[in-house]
Amino acid sequence: MRTSFLRFVLAFTLAGVSAFSFSACHRKVPETPAPVKAEPPTPTLLTQETVVDTLTAYGQAHPQDSLVLISTSKGDITIRLFKDTPLHRANFLRLADFGFFDKTVFFRVEKDFMIQGGRTDQPNIKIGGYNIPQEIRPHYYHKRGMVGMARYGDKENPERMSSPRDFYIVQGHPLSPEELAANIQEFNLKLSPAQKKVYRTLGGAPNLDQQYTIFGEVVEGMSVVDSIAAVPVDPQQHWPLKDVTMKVRVLR
């Protein structure tokens, strides 16, 4: 009788365990929601009346930021922004933080001269209608690797204000003594002996000196600049036949 009772208890217990196990195995596990990708905030649209105050405040809010990574479809370029061109530094940081450049391409490529980026033929973030007051500094010159902002010509833009988006990186080439002398004469350049030596050895684009604001320089990735400069382009517009895309982020 005791044996029969124990068998009954054991059978009941095993049945209970089986039922619990079945229930546990088929319990509905709540799904973890997919993480929502945070979108960069939309920038306040700037005007010529608000640009200086806005960029000054942005620069003051980010006083230590100076390194920017440009990740292109050809590789990475790291640039250092100059703190003595504060409006241009703040503008580039601001647009990078808003993700503006991530939808743009290098749209003008001229081998042995420069590569220019910041535009797209696709819809992009609106930033307003403004130009940046020039910050041309006599101690910066267009040696290989310097970064500047494009602008309209002197006739329509006598103040030499910069575009807010169209930046360029100098590739350049070493100049012969004759070529450098011709540039000095044609553009009335005032170059120090050290600057002349750099143009003859490292290379650059002296024809741009004191005409455009230089606001940074490449500290790593000039081989990538050379690679971009070598891509096939439309012979009229110098737009690469295959888009060279980019993503830009501030290194903090």
C-alpha atoms as a PDB file:
ATOM      1  CA  MET A   1       0.000   0.000   0.000  1.00  0.00           C
ATOM      2  CA  ARG A   2       2.841   2.398   0.901  1.00  0.00           C
ATOM      3  CA  THR A   3       4.619   1.485  -2.358  1.00  0.00           C
ATOM      4  CA  SER A   4       1.486   2.234  -4.374  1.00  0.00           C
ATOM      5  CA  PHE A   5       1.109   5.582  -2.627  1.00  0.00           C
ATOM      6  CA  LEU A   6       4.712   6.555  -3.374  1.00  0.00           C
ATOM      7  CA  ARG A   7       4.263   5.628  -7.021  1.00  0.00           C
ATOM      8  CA  PHE A   8       1.179   7.832  -7.159  1.00  0.00           C
ATOM      9  CA  VAL A   9       3.005  10.763  -5.561  1.00  0.00           C
ATOM     10  CA  LEU A  10       5.995  10.371  -7.892  1.00  0.00           C
ATOM     11  CA  ALA A  11       3.790  10.152 -10.954  1.00  0.00           C
ATOM     12  CA  PHE A  12       1.856  13.248  -9.845  1.00  0.00           C
ATOM     13  CA  THR A  13       5.094  15.140  -9.168  1.00  0.00           C
ATOM     14  CA  LEU A  14       6.625  14.250 -12.532  1.00  0.00           C
ATOM     15  CA  ALA A  15       3.440  15.239 -14.289  1.00  0.00           C
ATOM     16  CA  GLY A  16       3.574  18.581 -12.503  1.00  0.00           C
ATOM     17  CA  VAL A  17       7.202  19.152 -13.479  1.00  0.00           C
ATOM     18  CA  SER A  18       6.423  18.277 -17.086  1.00  0.00           C
ATOM     19  CA  ALA A  19       3.496  20.642 -17.130  1.00  0.00           C
ATOM     20  CA  PHE A  20       5.630  23.424 -15.629  1.00  0.00           C
ATOM     21  CA  SER A  21       8.436  22.798 -18.120  1.00  0.00           C
ATOM     22  CA  PHE A  22       6.010  22.841 -21.037  1.00  0.00           C
ATOM     23  CA  SER A  23       4.457  26.033 -19.776  1.00  0.00           C
ATOM     24  CA  ALA A  24       7.875  27.666 -19.271  1.00  0.00           C
ATOM     25  CA  CYS A  25       9.103  26.669 -22.717  1.00  0.00           C
ATOM     26  CA  HIS A  26       6.017  28.134 -24.351  1.00  0.00           C
ATOM     27  CA  ARG A  27       5.835  31.281 -22.287  1.00  0.00           C
ATOM     28  CA  LYS A  28       5.758  34.344 -24.525  1.00  0.00           C
ATOM     29  CA  VAL A  29       8.956  36.344 -24.226  1.00  0.00           C
ATOM     30  CA  PRO A  30       8.311  40.092 -24.622  1.00  0.00           C
ATOM     31  CA  GLU A  31      10.018  41.509 -27.706  1.00  0.00           C
ATOM     32  CA  THR A  32      12.736  44.092 -27.196  1.00  0.00           C
ATOM     33  CA  PRO A  33      11.877  47.163 -29.265  1.00  0.00           C
ATOM     34  CA  ALA A  34      14.418  48.012 -31.954  1.00  0.00           C
ATOM     35  CA  PRO A  35      16.575  50.992 -30.986  1.00  0.00           C
ATOM     36  CA  VAL A  36      15.450  54.206 -32.600  1.00  0.00           C
ATOM     37  CA  LYS A  37      18.252  55.927 -34.473  1.00  0.00           C
ATOM     38  CA  ALA A  38      18.614  59.456 -33.181  1.00  0.00           C
ATOM     39  CA  GLU A  39      18.405  62.043 -35.921  1.00  0.00           C
ATOM     40  CA  PRO A  40      20.578  65.158 -35.675  1.00  0.00           C
ATOM     41  CA  PRO A  41      18.592  68.246 -34.681  1.00  0.00           C
ATOM     42  CA  THR A  42      17.483  70.570 -37.437  1.00  0.00           C
ATOM     43  CA  PRO A  43      19.610  73.729 -37.540  1.00  0.00           C
ATOM     44  CA  THR A  44      18.164  77.179 -37.120  1.00  0.00           C
ATOM     45  CA  LEU A  45      18.158  78.858 -40.516  1.00  0.00           C
ATOM     46  CA  LEU A  46      20.800  81.564 -40.562  1.00  0.00           C
ATOM     47  CA  THR A  47      20.654  84.909 -42.320  1.00  0.00           C
ATOM     48  CA  GLN A  48      23.376  87.424 -43.012  1.00  0.00           C
ATOM     49  CA  GLU A  49      22.083  89.412 -40.048  1.00  0.00           C
ATOM     50  CA  THR A  50      22.352  86.495 -37.593  1.00  0.00           C
ATOM     51  CA  VAL A  51      25.405  84.604 -38.857  1.00  0.00           C
ATOM     52  CA  VAL A  52      28.114  86.327 -36.798  1.00  0.00           C
ATOM     53  CA  ASP A  53      26.277  86.158 -33.467  1.00  0.00           C
ATOM     54  CA  THR A  54      25.174  82.553 -34.027  1.00  0.00           C
ATOM     55  CA  LEU A  55      28.595  81.272 -35.089  1.00  0.00           C
ATOM     56  CA  THR A  56      30.349  83.204 -32.330  1.00  0.00           C
ATOM     57  CA  ALA A  57      28.073  81.613 -29.732  1.00  0.00           C
ATOM     58  CA  TYR A  58      28.535  78.149 -31.242  1.00  0.00           C
ATOM     59  CA  GLY A  59      32.298  78.501 -31.202  1.00  0.00           C
ATOM     60  CA  GLN A  60      32.264  79.641 -27.586  1.00  0.00           C
ATOM     61  CA  ALA A  61      30.114  76.631 -26.672  1.00  0.00           C
ATOM     62  CA  HIS A  62      32.671  74.282 -28.289  1.00  0.00           C
ATOM     63  CA  PRO A  63      36.021  75.897 -27.450  1.00  0.00           C
ATOM     64  CA  GLN A  64      38.163  72.747 -27.562  1.00  0.00           C
ATOM     65  CA  ASP A  65      36.788  71.135 -30.723  1.00  0.00           C
ATOM     66  CA  SER A  66      39.273  71.274 -33.576  1.00  0.00           C
ATOM     67  CA  LEU A  67      39.677  67.780 -35.094  1.00  0.00           C
ATOM     68  CA  VAL A  68      37.206  66.569 -37.704  1.00  0.00           C
ATOM     69  CA  LEU A  69      37.062  63.180 -39.428  1.00  0.00           C
ATOM     70  CA  ILE A  70      35.896  63.108 -43.050  1.00  0.00           C
ATOM     71  CA  SER A  71      35.061  59.498 -43.916  1.00  0.00           C
ATOM     72  CA  THR A  72      34.850  59.259 -47.702  1.00  0.00           C
ATOM     73  CA  SER A  73      34.131  56.385 -50.054  1.00  0.00           C
ATOM     74  CA  LYS A  74      37.887  56.424 -50.752  1.00  0.00           C
ATOM     75  CA  GLY A  75      39.050  56.433 -47.120  1.00  0.00           C
ATOM     76  CA  ASP A  76      39.412  58.728 -44.111  1.00  0.00           C
ATOM     77  CA  ILE A  77      40.786  62.266 -43.923  1.00  0.00           C
ATOM     78  CA  THR A  78      41.400  63.998 -40.593  1.00  0.00           C
ATOM     79  CA  ILE A  79      41.583  67.780 -40.555  1.00  0.00           C
ATOM     80  CA  ARG A  80      42.489  70.234 -37.823  1.00  0.00           C
ATOM     81  CA  LEU A  81      40.495  73.465 -37.704  1.00  0.00           C
ATOM     82  CA  PHE A  82      42.304  76.707 -36.883  1.00  0.00           C
ATOM     83  CA  LYS A  83      41.112  78.602 -33.819  1.00  0.00           C
ATOM     84  CA  ASP A  84      42.160  81.978 -35.243  1.00  0.00           C
ATOM     85  CA  THR A  85      39.473  81.627 -37.921  1.00  0.00           C
ATOM     86  CA  PRO A  86      36.676  81.313 -35.339  1.00  0.00           C
ATOM     87  CA  LEU A  87      33.660  81.901 -37.577  1.00  0.00           C
ATOM     88  CA  HIS A  88      34.787  79.349 -40.155  1.00  0.00           C
ATOM     89  CA  ARG A  89      35.699  76.841 -37.446  1.00  0.00           C
ATOM     90  CA  ALA A  90      32.310  77.224 -35.768  1.00  0.00           C
ATOM     91  CA  ASN A  91      30.448  76.997 -39.072  1.00  0.00           C
ATOM     92  CA  PHE A  92      32.170  73.752 -40.056  1.00  0.00           C
ATOM     93  CA  LEU A  93      31.629  72.244 -36.600  1.00  0.00           C
ATOM     94  CA  ARG A  94      27.984  73.300 -36.617  1.00  0.00           C
ATOM     95  CA  LEU A  95      27.214  71.808 -40.032  1.00  0.00           C
ATOM     96  CA  ALA A  96      29.096  68.619 -39.125  1.00  0.00           C
ATOM     97  CA  ASP A  97      27.118  68.287 -35.887  1.00  0.00           C
ATOM     98  CA  PHE A  98      23.849  68.706 -37.797  1.00  0.00           C
ATOM     99  CA  GLY A  99      24.858  66.005 -40.306  1.00  0.00           C
ATOM    100  CA  PHE A 100      24.775  68.440 -43.217  1.00  0.00           C
ATOM    101  CA  PHE A 101      27.869  67.102 -44.983  1.00  0.00           C
ATOM    102  CA  ASP A 102      26.720  63.473 -44.736  1.00  0.00           C
ATOM    103  CA  LYS A 103      24.462  63.955 -47.749  1.00  0.00           C
ATOM    104  CA  THR A 104      27.052  65.756 -49.860  1.00  0.00           C
ATOM    105  CA  VAL A 105      29.822  64.697 -52.226  1.00  0.00           C
ATOM    106  CA  PHE A 106      33.089  65.948 -53.637  1.00  0.00           C
ATOM    107  CA  PHE A 107      31.617  67.682 -56.655  1.00  0.00           C
ATOM    108  CA  ARG A 108      34.686  69.326 -58.177  1.00  0.00           C
ATOM    109  CA  VAL A 109      37.963  67.463 -58.572  1.00  0.00           C
ATOM    110  CA  GLU A 110      41.009  68.858 -60.368  1.00  0.00           C
ATOM    111  CA  LYS A 111      44.123  66.720 -60.216  1.00  0.00           C
ATOM    112  CA  ASP A 112      47.275  68.519 -59.027  1.00  0.00           C
ATOM    113  CA  PHE A 113      45.112  71.422 -57.838  1.00  0.00           C
ATOM    114  CA  MET A 114      42.372  70.643 -55.303  1.00  0.00           C
ATOM    115  CA  ILE A 115      39.260  68.643 -54.408  1.00  0.00           C
ATOM    116  CA  GLN A 116      36.075  70.495 -53.457  1.00  0.00           C
ATOM    117  CA  GLY A 117      33.122  69.146 -51.491  1.00  0.00           C
ATOM    118  CA  GLY A 118      29.938  70.160 -49.722  1.00  0.00           C
ATOM    119  CA  ARG A 119      27.258  70.003 -52.407  1.00  0.00           C
ATOM    120  CA  THR A 120      24.728  67.461 -53.586  1.00  0.00           C
ATOM    121  CA  ASP A 121      22.117  67.149 -56.300  1.00  0.00           C
ATOM    122  CA  GLN A 122      19.789  65.488 -53.751  1.00  0.00           C
ATOM    123  CA  PRO A 123      17.534  67.163 -51.140  1.00  0.00           C
ATOM    124  CA  ASN A 124      19.536  68.169 -48.075  1.00  0.00           C
ATOM    125  CA  ILE A 125      19.225  69.903 -44.720  1.00  0.00           C
ATOM    126  CA  LYS A 126      18.328  73.570 -45.076  1.00  0.00           C
ATOM    127  CA  ILE A 127      20.842  75.894 -43.411  1.00  0.00           C
ATOM    128  CA  GLY A 128      19.581  79.311 -44.526  1.00  0.00           C
ATOM    129  CA  GLY A 129      20.979  81.919 -46.877  1.00  0.00           C
ATOM    130  CA  TYR A 130      24.227  83.391 -45.634  1.00  0.00           C
ATOM    131  CA  ASN A 131      27.931  83.803 -46.290  1.00  0.00           C
ATOM    132  CA  ILE A 132      30.741  83.855 -43.732  1.00  0.00           C
ATOM    133  CA  PRO A 133      32.728  87.082 -43.282  1.00  0.00           C
ATOM    134  CA  GLN A 134      36.261  86.480 -44.538  1.00  0.00           C
ATOM    135  CA  GLU A 135      39.002  85.549 -42.082  1.00  0.00           C
ATOM    136  CA  ILE A 136      41.994  85.665 -44.433  1.00  0.00           C
ATOM    137  CA  ARG A 137      45.200  85.457 -42.378  1.00  0.00           C
ATOM    138  CA  PRO A 138      48.601  86.407 -43.882  1.00  0.00           C
ATOM    139  CA  HIS A 139      50.391  83.526 -42.124  1.00  0.00           C
ATOM    140  CA  TYR A 140      48.284  80.869 -43.854  1.00  0.00           C
ATOM    141  CA  TYR A 141      49.084  80.001 -47.441  1.00  0.00           C
ATOM    142  CA  HIS A 142      47.888  77.331 -49.860  1.00  0.00           C
ATOM    143  CA  LYS A 143      50.494  74.637 -49.404  1.00  0.00           C
ATOM    144  CA  ARG A 144      49.522  71.012 -49.966  1.00  0.00           C
ATOM    145  CA  GLY A 145      46.915  69.831 -47.433  1.00  0.00           C
ATOM    146  CA  MET A 146      45.423  73.196 -46.494  1.00  0.00           C
ATOM    147  CA  VAL A 147      41.636  73.456 -46.192  1.00  0.00           C
ATOM    148  CA  GLY A 148      39.733  76.547 -47.305  1.00  0.00           C
ATOM    149  CA  MET A 149      36.275  77.808 -48.166  1.00  0.00           C
ATOM    150  CA  ALA A 150      35.235  78.661 -51.698  1.00  0.00           C
ATOM    151  CA  ARG A 151      33.439  81.895 -52.531  1.00  0.00           C
ATOM    152  CA  TYR A 152      31.990  83.992 -55.309  1.00  0.00           C
ATOM    153  CA  GLY A 153      34.383  86.228 -57.232  1.00  0.00           C
ATOM    154  CA  ASP A 154      35.356  89.771 -56.303  1.00  0.00           C
ATOM    155  CA  LYS A 155      32.914  91.397 -58.721  1.00  0.00           C
ATOM    156  CA  GLU A 156      29.800  90.067 -56.966  1.00  0.00           C
ATOM    157  CA  ASN A 157      31.533  89.556 -53.621  1.00  0.00           C
ATOM    158  CA  PRO A 158      34.066  92.342 -52.995  1.00  0.00           C
ATOM    159  CA  GLU A 159      34.153  91.547 -49.254  1.00  0.00           C
ATOM    160  CA  ARG A 160      35.438  88.037 -50.136  1.00  0.00           C
ATOM    161  CA  MET A 161      32.905  86.375 -47.882  1.00  0.00           C
ATOM    162  CA  SER A 162      33.028  82.578 -47.880  1.00  0.00           C
ATOM    163  CA  SER A 163      30.457  80.006 -48.871  1.00  0.00           C
ATOM    164  CA  PRO A 164      29.061  78.260 -45.780  1.00  0.00           C
ATOM    165  CA  ARG A 165      29.288  74.782 -47.344  1.00  0.00           C
ATOM    166  CA  ASP A 166      31.756  74.565 -50.258  1.00  0.00           C
ATOM    167  CA  PHE A 167      35.119  73.615 -48.766  1.00  0.00           C
ATOM    168  CA  TYR A 168      38.249  72.533 -50.619  1.00  0.00           C
ATOM    169  CA  ILE A 169      41.443  70.651 -49.821  1.00  0.00           C
ATOM    170  CA  VAL A 170      44.611  71.616 -51.677  1.00  0.00           C
ATOM    171  CA  GLN A 171      46.415  68.793 -53.442  1.00  0.00           C
ATOM    172  CA  GLY A 172      48.741  70.947 -55.503  1.00  0.00           C
ATOM    173  CA  HIS A 173      52.059  69.965 -57.032  1.00  0.00           C
ATOM    174  CA  PRO A 174      55.681  71.063 -56.557  1.00  0.00           C
ATOM    175  CA  LEU A 175      56.302  74.220 -58.589  1.00  0.00           C
ATOM    176  CA  SER A 176      59.391  74.809 -60.663  1.00  0.00           C
ATOM    177  CA  PRO A 177      61.290  78.042 -59.908  1.00  0.00           C
ATOM    178  CA  GLU A 178      59.951  79.511 -63.157  1.00  0.00           C
ATOM    179  CA  GLU A 179      56.350  78.544 -62.396  1.00  0.00           C
ATOM    180  CA  LEU A 180      56.573  79.942 -58.875  1.00  0.00           C
ATOM    181  CA  ALA A 181      58.116  83.198 -60.131  1.00  0.00           C
ATOM    182  CA  ALA A 182      55.285  83.556 -62.660  1.00  0.00           C
ATOM    183  CA  ASN A 183      52.689  83.086 -59.894  1.00  0.00           C
ATOM    184  CA  ILE A 184      54.415  85.636 -57.678  1.00  0.00           C
ATOM    185  CA  GLN A 185      54.412  88.199 -60.466  1.00  0.00           C
ATOM    186  CA  GLU A 186      50.881  87.531 -61.752  1.00  0.00           C
ATOM    187  CA  PHE A 187      49.198  87.528 -58.346  1.00  0.00           C
ATOM    188  CA  ASN A 188      51.514  90.014 -56.629  1.00  0.00           C
ATOM    189  CA  LEU A 189      52.358  87.527 -53.893  1.00  0.00           C
ATOM    190  CA  LYS A 190      54.465  88.341 -50.868  1.00  0.00           C
ATOM    191  CA  LEU A 191      56.077  85.021 -49.977  1.00  0.00           C
ATOM    192  CA  SER A 192      58.806  84.437 -47.434  1.00  0.00           C
ATOM    193  CA  PRO A 193      61.852  82.325 -48.377  1.00  0.00           C
ATOM    194  CA  ALA A 194      60.422  79.491 -46.255  1.00  0.00           C
ATOM    195  CA  GLN A 195      57.078  79.635 -48.078  1.00  0.00           C
ATOM    196  CA  LYS A 196      58.801  79.627 -51.468  1.00  0.00           C
ATOM    197  CA  LYS A 197      60.747  76.530 -50.440  1.00  0.00           C
ATOM    198  CA  VAL A 198      57.534  74.754 -49.407  1.00  0.00           C
ATOM    199  CA  TYR A 199      55.907  75.538 -52.749  1.00  0.00           C
ATOM    200  CA  ARG A 200      58.954  74.224 -54.614  1.00  0.00           C
ATOM    201  CA  THR A 201      59.251  71.021 -52.566  1.00  0.00           C
ATOM    202  CA  LEU A 202      55.905  70.078 -51.013  1.00  0.00           C
ATOM    203  CA  GLY A 203      53.756  71.930 -53.520  1.00  0.00           C
ATOM    204  CA  GLY A 204      50.489  73.795 -53.362  1.00  0.00           C
ATOM    205  CA  ALA A 205      48.371  76.410 -55.127  1.00  0.00           C
ATOM    206  CA  PRO A 206      49.889  79.884 -54.601  1.00  0.00           C
ATOM    207  CA  ASN A 207      47.415  81.439 -57.033  1.00  0.00           C
ATOM    208  CA  LEU A 208      44.796  81.158 -54.262  1.00  0.00           C
ATOM    209  CA  ASP A 209      46.845  82.945 -51.593  1.00  0.00           C
ATOM    210  CA  GLN A 210      45.172  85.857 -49.788  1.00  0.00           C
ATOM    211  CA  GLN A 211      42.054  85.369 -51.918  1.00  0.00           C
ATOM    212  CA  TYR A 212      40.237  82.732 -49.863  1.00  0.00           C
ATOM    213  CA  THR A 213      39.952  81.950 -46.167  1.00  0.00           C
ATOM    214  CA  ILE A 214      42.075  78.997 -45.063  1.00  0.00           C
ATOM    215  CA  PHE A 215      40.566  77.550 -41.886  1.00  0.00           C
ATOM    216  CA  GLY A 216      42.244  74.172 -41.427  1.00  0.00           C
ATOM    217  CA  GLU A 217      44.727  71.595 -42.638  1.00  0.00           C
ATOM    218  CA  VAL A 218      44.901  67.857 -43.216  1.00  0.00           C
ATOM    219  CA  VAL A 219      46.777  66.076 -40.429  1.00  0.00           C
ATOM    220  CA  GLU A 220      46.159  62.551 -41.708  1.00  0.00           C
ATOM    221  CA  GLY A 221      44.891  61.099 -44.974  1.00  0.00           C
ATOM    222  CA  MET A 222      46.596  63.034 -47.781  1.00  0.00           C
ATOM    223  CA  SER A 223      46.906  59.728 -49.644  1.00  0.00           C
ATOM    224  CA  VAL A 224      43.096  59.681 -49.672  1.00  0.00           C
ATOM    225  CA  VAL A 225      43.062  63.226 -51.080  1.00  0.00           C
ATOM    226  CA  ASP A 226      45.425  62.023 -53.820  1.00  0.00           C
ATOM    227  CA  SER A 227      43.138  59.058 -54.492  1.00  0.00           C
ATOM    228  CA  ILE A 228      40.088  61.309 -54.840  1.00  0.00           C
ATOM    229  CA  ALA A 229      42.028  63.703 -57.072  1.00  0.00           C
ATOM    230  CA  ALA A 230      42.775  60.808 -59.436  1.00  0.00           C
ATOM    231  CA  VAL A 231      39.173  59.685 -60.073  1.00  0.00           C
ATOM    232  CA  PRO A 232      37.698  60.076 -63.585  1.00  0.00           C
ATOM    233  CA  VAL A 233      35.658  63.270 -63.907  1.00  0.00           C
ATOM    234  CA  ASP A 234      33.403  65.029 -66.352  1.00  0.00           C
ATOM    235  CA  PRO A 235      35.809  67.125 -68.449  1.00  0.00           C
ATOM    236  CA  GLN A 236      33.553  70.190 -68.394  1.00  0.00           C
ATOM    237  CA  GLN A 237      32.258  70.290 -64.817  1.00  0.00           C
ATOM    238  CA  HIS A 238      35.040  68.284 -63.090  1.00  0.00           C
ATOM    239  CA  TRP A 239      32.312  66.345 -61.264  1.00  0.00           C
ATOM    240  CA  PRO A 240      33.459  62.746 -60.601  1.00  0.00           C
ATOM    241  CA  LEU A 241      31.764  60.210 -62.866  1.00  0.00           C
ATOM    242  CA  LYS A 242      31.143  58.100 -59.757  1.00  0.00           C
ATOM    243  CA  ASP A 243      30.147  60.042 -56.652  1.00  0.00           C
ATOM    244  CA  VAL A 244      32.742  60.347 -53.897  1.00  0.00           C
ATOM    245  CA  THR A 245      30.547  60.473 -50.806  1.00  0.00           C
ATOM    246  CA  MET A 246      31.433  61.583 -47.291  1.00  0.00           C
ATOM    247  CA  LYS A 247      30.359  61.525 -43.668  1.00  0.00           C
ATOM    248  CA  VAL A 248      31.787  64.174 -41.369  1.00  0.00           C
ATOM    249  CA  ARG A 249      31.978  64.008 -37.588  1.00  0.00           C
ATOM    250  CA  VAL A 250      33.761  66.027 -34.935  1.00  0.00           C
ATOM    251  CA  LEU A 251      36.327  64.059 -32.922  1.00  0.00           C
ATOM    252  CA  ARG A 252      35.517  64.748 -29.277  1.00  0.00           C
END
